[in-house]
Each structure stands twice: as C-alpha cells, then as structure tokens.
C-alpha cells in the first residue's frame, strides 16, 4: 500500500513518493508534504522554467534558481508562470522565450 501524505500543493491526502526526490532538507520536506501527483506537476512546470529562461542544469546559478522556484512552487503563496511566458502556438503572441538566456540575475 502506498504511503499517503496530506499534499500541501494539491490540498488532499494522496499517495506520496517512494523516496525524497531531491537531496537535503528541502528534499525531505517535499517527501513529507508533497504527493507524487504534486511532484509530477513540478516536473512539468520545471520544464517550462528551463525552456523559458534557457537554463543549463550544469550552471550552479541555474540550479540555485530552480531550487528557489521549487520551494516557492510547493510552499510559497502561489507560483506564477514566468513573466512574458505564453503557451506554444498561441496566435498573436511572442514565441515565449526572452532574448537573453540563462538564469535571471539578482
């Protein structure tokens, strides 16, 4: 039987993950408070962030940005889509990718 968690993202008791999805304290917090369905939502959203900002997972600044976004996505007031992002194929809208690539500068 799957381990159940009260998912902080979805607001329901749902099957949890088999193991922490990320190392460290944040990974443990996600494991204890986020369902597998919530994690799957993050995986889809993280692809949007990576593509929109042209992030490289080999870049420490990009990884730090993604980690901050992950914490906000799960435990923040509410994660918003990146500024200027539009769904692919939306007529009359931009391509959804900014001219400069890489993690946003602080």
PDB file of N, CA and C in Angstrom:
ATOM      1  N   UNK A   1       0.841  -1.178   0.000  1.00  0.00           N
ATOM      2  CA  UNK A   1       0.000   0.000   0.000  1.00  0.00           C
ATOM      3  C   UNK A   1       0.888   1.244   0.000  1.00  0.00           C
ATOM      4  N   UNK A   2       0.518   2.213  -0.810  1.00  0.00           N
ATOM      5  CA  UNK A   2       1.299   3.438  -0.935  1.00  0.00           C
ATOM      6  C   UNK A   2       1.192   4.290   0.329  1.00  0.00           C
ATOM      7  N   UNK A   3       2.274   4.949   0.641  1.00  0.00           N
ATOM      8  CA  UNK A   3       2.302   5.892   1.763  1.00  0.00           C
ATOM      9  C   UNK A   3       1.468   7.111   1.374  1.00  0.00           C
ATOM     10  N   UNK A   4       0.571   7.552   2.263  1.00  0.00           N
ATOM     11  CA  UNK A   4      -0.269   8.709   1.985  1.00  0.00           C
ATOM     12  C   UNK A   4       0.288   9.945   2.678  1.00  0.00           C
ATOM     13  N   UNK A   5       0.187  11.081   1.999  1.00  0.00           N
ATOM     14  CA  UNK A   5       0.587  12.362   2.583  1.00  0.00           C
ATOM     15  C   UNK A   5      -0.528  13.371   2.355  1.00  0.00           C
ATOM     16  N   UNK A   6      -0.634  14.321   3.259  1.00  0.00           N
ATOM     17  CA  UNK A   6      -1.533  15.456   3.043  1.00  0.00           C
ATOM     18  C   UNK A   6      -0.750  16.427   2.166  1.00  0.00           C
ATOM     19  N   UNK A   7      -1.058  16.446   0.877  1.00  0.00           N
ATOM     20  CA  UNK A   7      -0.274  17.209  -0.091  1.00  0.00           C
ATOM     21  C   UNK A   7      -0.506  18.712   0.088  1.00  0.00           C
ATOM     22  N   UNK A   8       0.576  19.430   0.392  1.00  0.00           N
ATOM     23  CA  UNK A   8       0.499  20.875   0.582  1.00  0.00           C
ATOM     24  C   UNK A   8       0.196  21.597  -0.725  1.00  0.00           C
ATOM     25  N   UNK A   9       0.540  21.016  -1.858  1.00  0.00           N
ATOM     26  CA  UNK A   9       0.301  21.658  -3.155  1.00  0.00           C
ATOM     27  C   UNK A   9      -1.137  21.461  -3.606  1.00  0.00           C
ATOM     28  N   UNK A  10      -1.656  20.250  -3.474  1.00  0.00           N
ATOM     29  CA  UNK A  10      -2.979  19.908  -4.002  1.00  0.00           C
ATOM     30  C   UNK A  10      -4.065  20.035  -2.943  1.00  0.00           C
ATOM     31  N   UNK A  11      -3.687  19.913  -1.676  1.00  0.00           N
ATOM     32  CA  UNK A  11      -4.653  20.066  -0.599  1.00  0.00           C
ATOM     33  C   UNK A  11      -5.491  18.832  -0.328  1.00  0.00           C
ATOM     34  N   UNK A  12      -4.993  17.665  -0.718  1.00  0.00           N
ATOM     35  CA  UNK A  12      -5.703  16.405  -0.498  1.00  0.00           C
ATOM     36  C   UNK A  12      -4.728  15.361   0.026  1.00  0.00           C
ATOM     37  N   UNK A  13      -5.261  14.322   0.653  1.00  0.00           N
ATOM     38  CA  UNK A  13      -4.433  13.190   1.060  1.00  0.00           C
ATOM     39  C   UNK A  13      -4.279  12.282  -0.153  1.00  0.00           C
ATOM     40  N   UNK A  14      -3.043  12.125  -0.594  1.00  0.00           N
ATOM     41  CA  UNK A  14      -2.739  11.385  -1.819  1.00  0.00           C
ATOM     42  C   UNK A  14      -1.502  10.519  -1.609  1.00  0.00           C
ATOM     43  N   UNK A  15      -1.280   9.541  -2.501  1.00  0.00           N
ATOM     44  CA  UNK A  15      -0.072   8.720  -2.400  1.00  0.00           C
ATOM     45  C   UNK A  15       1.192   9.577  -2.489  1.00  0.00           C
ATOM     46  N   UNK A  16       2.120   9.296  -1.574  1.00  0.00           N
ATOM     47  CA  UNK A  16       3.384  10.020  -1.550  1.00  0.00           C
ATOM     48  C   UNK A  16       4.416   9.368  -2.449  1.00  0.00           C
ATOM     49  N   UNK A  17       5.595   9.942  -2.448  1.00  0.00           N
ATOM     50  CA  UNK A  17       6.700   9.422  -3.242  1.00  0.00           C
ATOM     51  C   UNK A  17       7.390   8.290  -2.499  1.00  0.00           C
ATOM     52  N   UNK A  18       8.090   7.457  -3.234  1.00  0.00           N
ATOM     53  CA  UNK A  18       8.791   6.315  -2.644  1.00  0.00           C
ATOM     54  C   UNK A  18      10.023   6.755  -1.852  1.00  0.00           C
ATOM     55  N   UNK A  19      10.634   7.867  -2.256  1.00  0.00           N
ATOM     56  CA  UNK A  19      11.826   8.370  -1.572  1.00  0.00           C
ATOM     57  C   UNK A  19      11.912   9.877  -1.805  1.00  0.00           C
ATOM     58  N   UNK A  20      12.732  10.572  -1.020  1.00  0.00           N
ATOM     59  CA  UNK A  20      12.882  12.015  -1.246  1.00  0.00           C
ATOM     60  C   UNK A  20      13.358  12.277  -2.678  1.00  0.00           C
ATOM     61  N   UNK A  21      12.728  13.222  -3.370  1.00  0.00           N
ATOM     62  CA  UNK A  21      13.050  13.456  -4.773  1.00  0.00           C
ATOM     63  C   UNK A  21      14.258  14.355  -4.996  1.00  0.00           C
ATOM     64  N   UNK A  22      14.755  14.935  -3.924  1.00  0.00           N
ATOM     65  CA  UNK A  22      15.824  15.920  -4.014  1.00  0.00           C
ATOM     66  C   UNK A  22      16.650  15.802  -2.739  1.00  0.00           C
ATOM     67  N   UNK A  23      17.960  15.977  -2.799  1.00  0.00           N
ATOM     68  CA  UNK A  23      18.769  15.827  -1.584  1.00  0.00           C
ATOM     69  C   UNK A  23      18.570  16.974  -0.601  1.00  0.00           C
ATOM     70  N   UNK A  24      18.917  16.726   0.631  1.00  0.00           N
ATOM     71  CA  UNK A  24      18.927  17.773   1.645  1.00  0.00           C
ATOM     72  C   UNK A  24      17.592  18.009   2.327  1.00  0.00           C
ATOM     73  N   UNK A  25      17.564  19.114   3.070  1.00  0.00           N
ATOM     74  CA  UNK A  25      16.398  19.467   3.878  1.00  0.00           C
ATOM     75  C   UNK A  25      15.161  19.719   3.014  1.00  0.00           C
ATOM     76  N   UNK A  26      15.332  20.417   1.882  1.00  0.00           N
ATOM     77  CA  UNK A  26      14.191  20.688   1.007  1.00  0.00           C
ATOM     78  C   UNK A  26      13.616  19.394   0.448  1.00  0.00           C
ATOM     79  N   UNK A  27      14.474  18.471   0.036  1.00  0.00           N
ATOM     80  CA  UNK A  27      14.003  17.183  -0.473  1.00  0.00           C
ATOM     81  C   UNK A  27      13.211  16.415   0.565  1.00  0.00           C
ATOM     82  N   UNK A  28      13.668  16.448   1.812  1.00  0.00           N
ATOM     83  CA  UNK A  28      12.951  15.765   2.894  1.00  0.00           C
ATOM     84  C   UNK A  28      11.600  16.432   3.152  1.00  0.00           C
ATOM     85  N   UNK A  29      11.582  17.754   3.119  1.00  0.00           N
ATOM     86  CA  UNK A  29      10.320  18.492   3.325  1.00  0.00           C
ATOM     87  C   UNK A  29       9.320  18.168   2.214  1.00  0.00           C
ATOM     88  N   UNK A  30       9.802  18.097   0.981  1.00  0.00           N
ATOM     89  CA  UNK A  30       8.936  17.738  -0.143  1.00  0.00           C
ATOM     90  C   UNK A  30       8.422  16.313   0.042  1.00  0.00           C
ATOM     91  N   UNK A  31       9.306  15.397   0.403  1.00  0.00           N
ATOM     92  CA  UNK A  31       8.930  13.996   0.609  1.00  0.00           C
ATOM     93  C   UNK A  31       7.823  13.863   1.650  1.00  0.00           C
ATOM     94  N   UNK A  32       7.916  14.633   2.726  1.00  0.00           N
ATOM     95  CA  UNK A  32       6.951  14.526   3.818  1.00  0.00           C
ATOM     96  C   UNK A  32       5.639  15.256   3.554  1.00  0.00           C
ATOM     97  N   UNK A  33       5.639  16.252   2.645  1.00  0.00           N
ATOM     98  CA  UNK A  33       4.470  17.115   2.490  1.00  0.00           C
ATOM     99  C   UNK A  33       3.882  17.200   1.092  1.00  0.00           C
ATOM    100  N   UNK A  34       4.487  16.522   0.126  1.00  0.00           N
ATOM    101  CA  UNK A  34       4.035  16.628  -1.262  1.00  0.00           C
ATOM    102  C   UNK A  34       3.771  15.235  -1.818  1.00  0.00           C
ATOM    103  N   UNK A  35       2.656  15.096  -2.520  1.00  0.00           N
ATOM    104  CA  UNK A  35       2.286  13.811  -3.121  1.00  0.00           C
ATOM    105  C   UNK A  35       3.062  13.581  -4.419  1.00  0.00           C
ATOM    106  N   UNK A  36       2.978  12.355  -4.914  1.00  0.00           N
ATOM    107  CA  UNK A  36       3.586  12.048  -6.210  1.00  0.00           C
ATOM    108  C   UNK A  36       2.947  12.907  -7.297  1.00  0.00           C
ATOM    109  N   UNK A  37       1.633  13.114  -7.215  1.00  0.00           N
ATOM    110  CA  UNK A  37       0.939  13.954  -8.202  1.00  0.00           C
ATOM    111  C   UNK A  37       1.455  15.393  -8.142  1.00  0.00           C
ATOM    112  N   UNK A  38       1.703  15.902  -6.938  1.00  0.00           N
ATOM    113  CA  UNK A  38       2.261  17.246  -6.791  1.00  0.00           C
ATOM    114  C   UNK A  38       3.654  17.337  -7.385  1.00  0.00           C
ATOM    115  N   UNK A  39       4.466  16.297  -7.163  1.00  0.00           N
ATOM    116  CA  UNK A  39       5.816  16.268  -7.737  1.00  0.00           C
ATOM    117  C   UNK A  39       5.743  16.224  -9.255  1.00  0.00           C
ATOM    118  N   UNK A  40       4.812  15.460  -9.803  1.00  0.00           N
ATOM    119  CA  UNK A  40       4.650  15.396 -11.259  1.00  0.00           C
ATOM    120  C   UNK A  40       4.301  16.773 -11.827  1.00  0.00           C
ATOM    121  N   UNK A  41       3.482  17.549 -11.098  1.00  0.00           N
ATOM    122  CA  UNK A  41       3.156  18.914 -11.523  1.00  0.00           C
ATOM    123  C   UNK A  41       4.422  19.765 -11.576  1.00  0.00           C
ATOM    124  N   UNK A  42       5.288  19.618 -10.554  1.00  0.00           N
ATOM    125  CA  UNK A  42       6.542  20.366 -10.540  1.00  0.00           C
ATOM    126  C   UNK A  42       7.411  19.988 -11.732  1.00  0.00           C
ATOM    127  N   UNK A  43       7.495  18.710 -12.045  1.00  0.00           N
ATOM    128  CA  UNK A  43       8.338  18.270 -13.160  1.00  0.00           C
ATOM    129  C   UNK A  43       7.896  18.943 -14.459  1.00  0.00           C
ATOM    130  N   UNK A  44       6.597  19.054 -14.675  1.00  0.00           N
ATOM    131  CA  UNK A  44       6.094  19.731 -15.877  1.00  0.00           C
ATOM    132  C   UNK A  44       6.422  21.223 -15.831  1.00  0.00           C
ATOM    133  N   UNK A  45       6.211  21.836 -14.674  1.00  0.00           N
ATOM    134  CA  UNK A  45       6.468  23.270 -14.529  1.00  0.00           C
ATOM    135  C   UNK A  45       7.958  23.580 -14.661  1.00  0.00           C
ATOM    136  N   UNK A  46       8.814  22.706 -14.140  1.00  0.00           N
ATOM    137  CA  UNK A  46      10.254  22.952 -14.226  1.00  0.00           C
ATOM    138  C   UNK A  46      10.726  22.957 -15.680  1.00  0.00           C
ATOM    139  N   UNK A  47      10.097  22.158 -16.533  1.00  0.00           N
ATOM    140  CA  UNK A  47      10.436  22.163 -17.957  1.00  0.00           C
ATOM    141  C   UNK A  47      10.107  23.530 -18.557  1.00  0.00           C
ATOM    142  N   UNK A  48       8.967  24.102 -18.158  1.00  0.00           N
ATOM    143  CA  UNK A  48       8.592  25.441 -18.622  1.00  0.00           C
ATOM    144  C   UNK A  48       9.668  26.451 -18.217  1.00  0.00           C
ATOM    145  N   UNK A  49      10.088  26.403 -16.959  1.00  0.00           N
ATOM    146  CA  UNK A  49      11.112  27.338 -16.482  1.00  0.00           C
ATOM    147  C   UNK A  49      12.431  27.154 -17.225  1.00  0.00           C
ATOM    148  N   UNK A  50      12.867  25.910 -17.378  1.00  0.00           N
ATOM    149  CA  UNK A  50      14.131  25.622 -18.061  1.00  0.00           C
ATOM    150  C   UNK A  50      14.094  26.134 -19.492  1.00  0.00           C
ATOM    151  N   UNK A  51      13.005  25.863 -20.195  1.00  0.00           N
ATOM    152  CA  UNK A  51      12.899  26.300 -21.586  1.00  0.00           C
ATOM    153  C   UNK A  51      12.728  27.809 -21.697  1.00  0.00           C
ATOM    154  N   UNK A  52      11.903  28.390 -20.845  1.00  0.00           N
ATOM    155  CA  UNK A  52      11.633  29.827 -20.924  1.00  0.00           C
ATOM    156  C   UNK A  52      12.894  30.649 -20.665  1.00  0.00           C
ATOM    157  N   UNK A  53      13.634  30.282 -19.651  1.00  0.00           N
ATOM    158  CA  UNK A  53      14.826  31.041 -19.287  1.00  0.00           C
ATOM    159  C   UNK A  53      16.099  30.497 -19.929  1.00  0.00           C
ATOM    160  N   UNK A  54      16.001  29.409 -20.687  1.00  0.00           N
ATOM    161  CA  UNK A  54      17.185  28.827 -21.315  1.00  0.00           C
ATOM    162  C   UNK A  54      18.204  28.373 -20.286  1.00  0.00           C
ATOM    163  N   UNK A  55      17.718  27.761 -19.212  1.00  0.00           N
ATOM    164  CA  UNK A  55      18.595  27.352 -18.116  1.00  0.00           C
ATOM    165  C   UNK A  55      19.439  26.143 -18.497  1.00  0.00           C
ATOM    166  N   UNK A  56      20.635  26.107 -17.966  1.00  0.00           N
ATOM    167  CA  UNK A  56      21.517  24.955 -18.102  1.00  0.00           C
ATOM    168  C   UNK A  56      21.676  24.338 -16.723  1.00  0.00           C
ATOM    169  N   UNK A  57      21.338  23.069 -16.585  1.00  0.00           N
ATOM    170  CA  UNK A  57      21.438  22.416 -15.285  1.00  0.00           C
ATOM    171  C   UNK A  57      22.889  22.221 -14.850  1.00  0.00           C
ATOM    172  N   UNK A  58      23.825  22.445 -15.750  1.00  0.00           N
ATOM    173  CA  UNK A  58      25.233  22.399 -15.399  1.00  0.00           C
ATOM    174  C   UNK A  58      25.715  23.698 -14.756  1.00  0.00           C
ATOM    175  N   UNK A  59      24.896  24.736 -14.824  1.00  0.00           N
ATOM    176  CA  UNK A  59      25.240  26.045 -14.276  1.00  0.00           C
ATOM    177  C   UNK A  59      24.736  26.159 -12.840  1.00  0.00           C
ATOM    178  N   UNK A  60      25.635  26.390 -11.866  1.00  0.00           N
ATOM    179  CA  UNK A  60      25.202  26.479 -10.463  1.00  0.00           C
ATOM    180  C   UNK A  60      24.141  27.552 -10.225  1.00  0.00           C
ATOM    181  N   UNK A  61      24.229  28.668 -10.931  1.00  0.00           N
ATOM    182  CA  UNK A  61      23.241  29.737 -10.757  1.00  0.00           C
ATOM    183  C   UNK A  61      21.862  29.278 -11.253  1.00  0.00           C
ATOM    184  N   UNK A  62      21.830  28.534 -12.345  1.00  0.00           N
ATOM    185  CA  UNK A  62      20.565  27.999 -12.852  1.00  0.00           C
ATOM    186  C   UNK A  62      19.967  26.998 -11.872  1.00  0.00           C
ATOM    187  N   UNK A  63      20.811  26.141 -11.307  1.00  0.00           N
ATOM    188  CA  UNK A  63      20.315  25.161 -10.324  1.00  0.00           C
ATOM    189  C   UNK A  63      19.777  25.856  -9.080  1.00  0.00           C
ATOM    190  N   UNK A  64      20.471  26.899  -8.631  1.00  0.00           N
ATOM    191  CA  UNK A  64      20.008  27.645  -7.460  1.00  0.00           C
ATOM    192  C   UNK A  64      18.652  28.294  -7.752  1.00  0.00           C
ATOM    193  N   UNK A  65      18.507  28.871  -8.938  1.00  0.00           N
ATOM    194  CA  UNK A  65      17.240  29.482  -9.337  1.00  0.00           C
ATOM    195  C   UNK A  65      16.123  28.440  -9.336  1.00  0.00           C
ATOM    196  N   UNK A  66      16.385  27.265  -9.910  1.00  0.00           N
ATOM    197  CA  UNK A  66      15.365  26.206  -9.939  1.00  0.00           C
ATOM    198  C   UNK A  66      15.001  25.739  -8.534  1.00  0.00           C
ATOM    199  N   UNK A  67      15.979  25.649  -7.648  1.00  0.00           N
ATOM    200  CA  UNK A  67      15.699  25.230  -6.279  1.00  0.00           C
ATOM    201  C   UNK A  67      14.805  26.253  -5.577  1.00  0.00           C
ATOM    202  N   UNK A  68      15.086  27.535  -5.787  1.00  0.00           N
ATOM    203  CA  UNK A  68      14.242  28.589  -5.209  1.00  0.00           C
ATOM    204  C   UNK A  68      12.821  28.503  -5.765  1.00  0.00           C
ATOM    205  N   UNK A  69      12.722  28.278  -7.071  1.00  0.00           N
ATOM    206  CA  UNK A  69      11.407  28.169  -7.698  1.00  0.00           C
ATOM    207  C   UNK A  69      10.656  26.937  -7.205  1.00  0.00           C
ATOM    208  N   UNK A  70      11.382  25.843  -6.970  1.00  0.00           N
ATOM    209  CA  UNK A  70      10.759  24.618  -6.473  1.00  0.00           C
ATOM    210  C   UNK A  70      10.156  24.858  -5.089  1.00  0.00           C
ATOM    211  N   UNK A  71      10.910  25.514  -4.220  1.00  0.00           N
ATOM    212  CA  UNK A  71      10.394  25.790  -2.876  1.00  0.00           C
ATOM    213  C   UNK A  71       9.173  26.702  -2.948  1.00  0.00           C
ATOM    214  N   UNK A  72       9.222  27.710  -3.808  1.00  0.00           N
ATOM    215  CA  UNK A  72       8.081  28.617  -3.972  1.00  0.00           C
ATOM    216  C   UNK A  72       6.877  27.866  -4.547  1.00  0.00           C
ATOM    217  N   UNK A  73       7.122  26.986  -5.516  1.00  0.00           N
ATOM    218  CA  UNK A  73       6.048  26.216  -6.155  1.00  0.00           C
ATOM    219  C   UNK A  73       5.290  25.380  -5.134  1.00  0.00           C
ATOM    220  N   UNK A  74       6.027  24.725  -4.248  1.00  0.00           N
ATOM    221  CA  UNK A  74       5.389  23.840  -3.278  1.00  0.00           C
ATOM    222  C   UNK A  74       4.897  24.549  -2.024  1.00  0.00           C
ATOM    223  N   UNK A  75       5.639  25.507  -1.528  1.00  0.00           N
ATOM    224  CA  UNK A  75       5.348  26.049  -0.199  1.00  0.00           C
ATOM    225  C   UNK A  75       5.115  27.553  -0.181  1.00  0.00           C
ATOM    226  N   UNK A  76       5.256  28.228  -1.332  1.00  0.00           N
ATOM    227  CA  UNK A  76       5.049  29.672  -1.391  1.00  0.00           C
ATOM    228  C   UNK A  76       3.566  30.022  -1.489  1.00  0.00           C
ATOM    229  N   UNK A  77       3.295  31.301  -1.523  1.00  0.00           N
ATOM    230  CA  UNK A  77       1.918  31.793  -1.609  1.00  0.00           C
ATOM    231  C   UNK A  77       1.259  31.280  -2.883  1.00  0.00           C
ATOM    232  N   UNK A  78       1.986  31.195  -3.958  1.00  0.00           N
ATOM    233  CA  UNK A  78       1.456  30.683  -5.219  1.00  0.00           C
ATOM    234  C   UNK A  78       2.464  30.916  -6.320  1.00  0.00           C
ATOM    235  N   UNK A  79       2.742  29.888  -7.060  1.00  0.00           N
ATOM    236  CA  UNK A  79       3.710  30.027  -8.147  1.00  0.00           C
ATOM    237  C   UNK A  79       2.994  30.551  -9.386  1.00  0.00           C
ATOM    238  N   UNK A  80       3.576  31.527 -10.000  1.00  0.00           N
ATOM    239  CA  UNK A  80       3.032  32.106 -11.223  1.00  0.00           C
ATOM    240  C   UNK A  80       3.889  31.648 -12.400  1.00  0.00           C
ATOM    241  N   UNK A  81       3.301  31.642 -13.564  1.00  0.00           N
ATOM    242  CA  UNK A  81       4.088  31.338 -14.750  1.00  0.00           C
ATOM    243  C   UNK A  81       5.092  32.477 -14.940  1.00  0.00           C
ATOM    244  N   UNK A  82       6.234  32.220 -15.575  1.00  0.00           N
ATOM    245  CA  UNK A  82       7.236  33.267 -15.763  1.00  0.00           C
ATOM    246  C   UNK A  82       6.656  34.460 -16.524  1.00  0.00           C
ATOM    247  N   UNK A  83       7.102  35.650 -16.167  1.00  0.00           N
ATOM    248  CA  UNK A  83       6.639  36.860 -16.835  1.00  0.00           C
ATOM    249  C   UNK A  83       6.942  36.772 -18.324  1.00  0.00           C
ATOM    250  N   UNK A  84       5.952  37.067 -19.141  1.00  0.00           N
ATOM    251  CA  UNK A  84       6.123  37.041 -20.583  1.00  0.00           C
ATOM    252  C   UNK A  84       5.914  35.685 -21.228  1.00  0.00           C
ATOM    253  N   UNK A  85       5.692  34.630 -20.430  1.00  0.00           N
ATOM    254  CA  UNK A  85       5.509  33.295 -20.982  1.00  0.00           C
ATOM    255  C   UNK A  85       4.139  33.181 -21.621  1.00  0.00           C
ATOM    256  N   UNK A  86       4.097  32.576 -22.799  1.00  0.00           N
ATOM    257  CA  UNK A  86       2.824  32.286 -23.457  1.00  0.00           C
ATOM    258  C   UNK A  86       2.853  30.844 -23.919  1.00  0.00           C
ATOM    259  N   UNK A  87       1.704  30.171 -23.893  1.00  0.00           N
ATOM    260  CA  UNK A  87       1.678  28.789 -24.365  1.00  0.00           C
ATOM    261  C   UNK A  87       2.088  28.707 -25.829  1.00  0.00           C
ATOM    262  N   UNK A  88       2.826  27.682 -26.163  1.00  0.00           N
ATOM    263  CA  UNK A  88       3.262  27.468 -27.536  1.00  0.00           C
ATOM    264  C   UNK A  88       2.052  27.379 -28.449  1.00  0.00           C
ATOM    265  N   UNK A  89       2.119  28.057 -29.586  1.00  0.00           N
ATOM    266  CA  UNK A  89       1.031  28.000 -30.552  1.00  0.00           C
ATOM    267  C   UNK A  89      -0.063  29.027 -30.318  1.00  0.00           C
ATOM    268  N   UNK A  90       0.093  29.939 -29.351  1.00  0.00           N
ATOM    269  CA  UNK A  90      -0.917  30.969 -29.123  1.00  0.00           C
ATOM    270  C   UNK A  90      -0.774  32.023 -30.212  1.00  0.00           C
ATOM    271  N   UNK A  91      -1.818  32.217 -31.048  1.00  0.00           N
ATOM    272  CA  UNK A  91      -1.720  33.187 -32.137  1.00  0.00           C
ATOM    273  C   UNK A  91      -1.537  34.612 -31.614  1.00  0.00           C
ATOM    274  N   UNK A  92      -0.713  35.381 -32.317  1.00  0.00           N
ATOM    275  CA  UNK A  92      -0.532  36.782 -31.992  1.00  0.00           C
ATOM    276  C   UNK A  92       0.361  37.046 -30.793  1.00  0.00           C
ATOM    277  N   UNK A  93       0.885  36.014 -30.191  1.00  0.00           N
ATOM    278  CA  UNK A  93       1.745  36.187 -29.026  1.00  0.00           C
ATOM    279  C   UNK A  93       3.180  35.888 -29.445  1.00  0.00           C
ATOM    280  N   UNK A  94       4.106  36.297 -28.609  1.00  0.00           N
ATOM    281  CA  UNK A  94       5.516  36.035 -28.875  1.00  0.00           C
ATOM    282  C   UNK A  94       5.821  34.551 -28.798  1.00  0.00           C
ATOM    283  N   UNK A  95       7.068  34.230 -29.067  1.00  0.00           N
ATOM    284  CA  UNK A  95       7.489  32.832 -29.022  1.00  0.00           C
ATOM    285  C   UNK A  95       7.577  32.309 -27.603  1.00  0.00           C
ATOM    286  N   UNK A  96       7.519  33.200 -26.614  1.00  0.00           N
ATOM    287  CA  UNK A  96       7.553  32.759 -25.226  1.00  0.00           C
ATOM    288  C   UNK A  96       8.946  32.616 -24.655  1.00  0.00           C
ATOM    289  N   UNK A  97       9.968  32.980 -25.444  1.00  0.00           N
ATOM    290  CA  UNK A  97      11.344  32.852 -24.968  1.00  0.00           C
ATOM    291  C   UNK A  97      11.992  34.231 -25.008  1.00  0.00           C
ATOM    292  N   UNK A  98      12.576  34.691 -23.915  1.00  0.00           N
ATOM    293  CA  UNK A  98      13.222  36.001 -23.907  1.00  0.00           C
ATOM    294  C   UNK A  98      14.494  35.997 -24.745  1.00  0.00           C
ATOM    295  N   UNK A  99      14.924  37.183 -25.161  1.00  0.00           N
ATOM    296  CA  UNK A  99      16.120  37.302 -25.987  1.00  0.00           C
ATOM    297  C   UNK A  99      17.363  36.815 -25.250  1.00  0.00           C
ATOM    298  N   UNK A 100      17.505  37.171 -23.972  1.00  0.00           N
ATOM    299  CA  UNK A 100      18.658  36.735 -23.181  1.00  0.00           C
ATOM    300  C   UNK A 100      18.370  35.396 -22.534  1.00  0.00           C
ATOM    301  N   UNK A 101      19.324  34.505 -22.566  1.00  0.00           N
ATOM    302  CA  UNK A 101      19.120  33.196 -21.943  1.00  0.00           C
ATOM    303  C   UNK A 101      19.940  33.096 -20.678  1.00  0.00           C
ATOM    304  N   UNK A 102      19.554  32.171 -19.815  1.00  0.00           N
ATOM    305  CA  UNK A 102      20.265  31.956 -18.567  1.00  0.00           C
ATOM    306  C   UNK A 102      19.397  32.337 -17.392  1.00  0.00           C
ATOM    307  N   UNK A 103      19.868  32.028 -16.222  1.00  0.00           N
ATOM    308  CA  UNK A 103      19.108  32.324 -15.005  1.00  0.00           C
ATOM    309  C   UNK A 103      18.989  33.832 -14.832  1.00  0.00           C
ATOM    310  N   UNK A 104      17.838  34.299 -14.338  1.00  0.00           N
ATOM    311  CA  UNK A 104      17.677  35.734 -14.091  1.00  0.00           C
ATOM    312  C   UNK A 104      18.731  36.224 -13.099  1.00  0.00           C
ATOM    313  N   UNK A 105      19.221  37.406 -13.330  1.00  0.00           N
ATOM    314  CA  UNK A 105      20.232  37.991 -12.449  1.00  0.00           C
ATOM    315  C   UNK A 105      19.552  38.592 -11.233  1.00  0.00           C
ATOM    316  N   UNK A 106      20.218  38.468 -10.095  1.00  0.00           N
ATOM    317  CA  UNK A 106      19.666  39.022  -8.853  1.00  0.00           C
ATOM    318  C   UNK A 106      20.013  40.479  -8.740  1.00  0.00           C
TER     319      UNK A 106
END
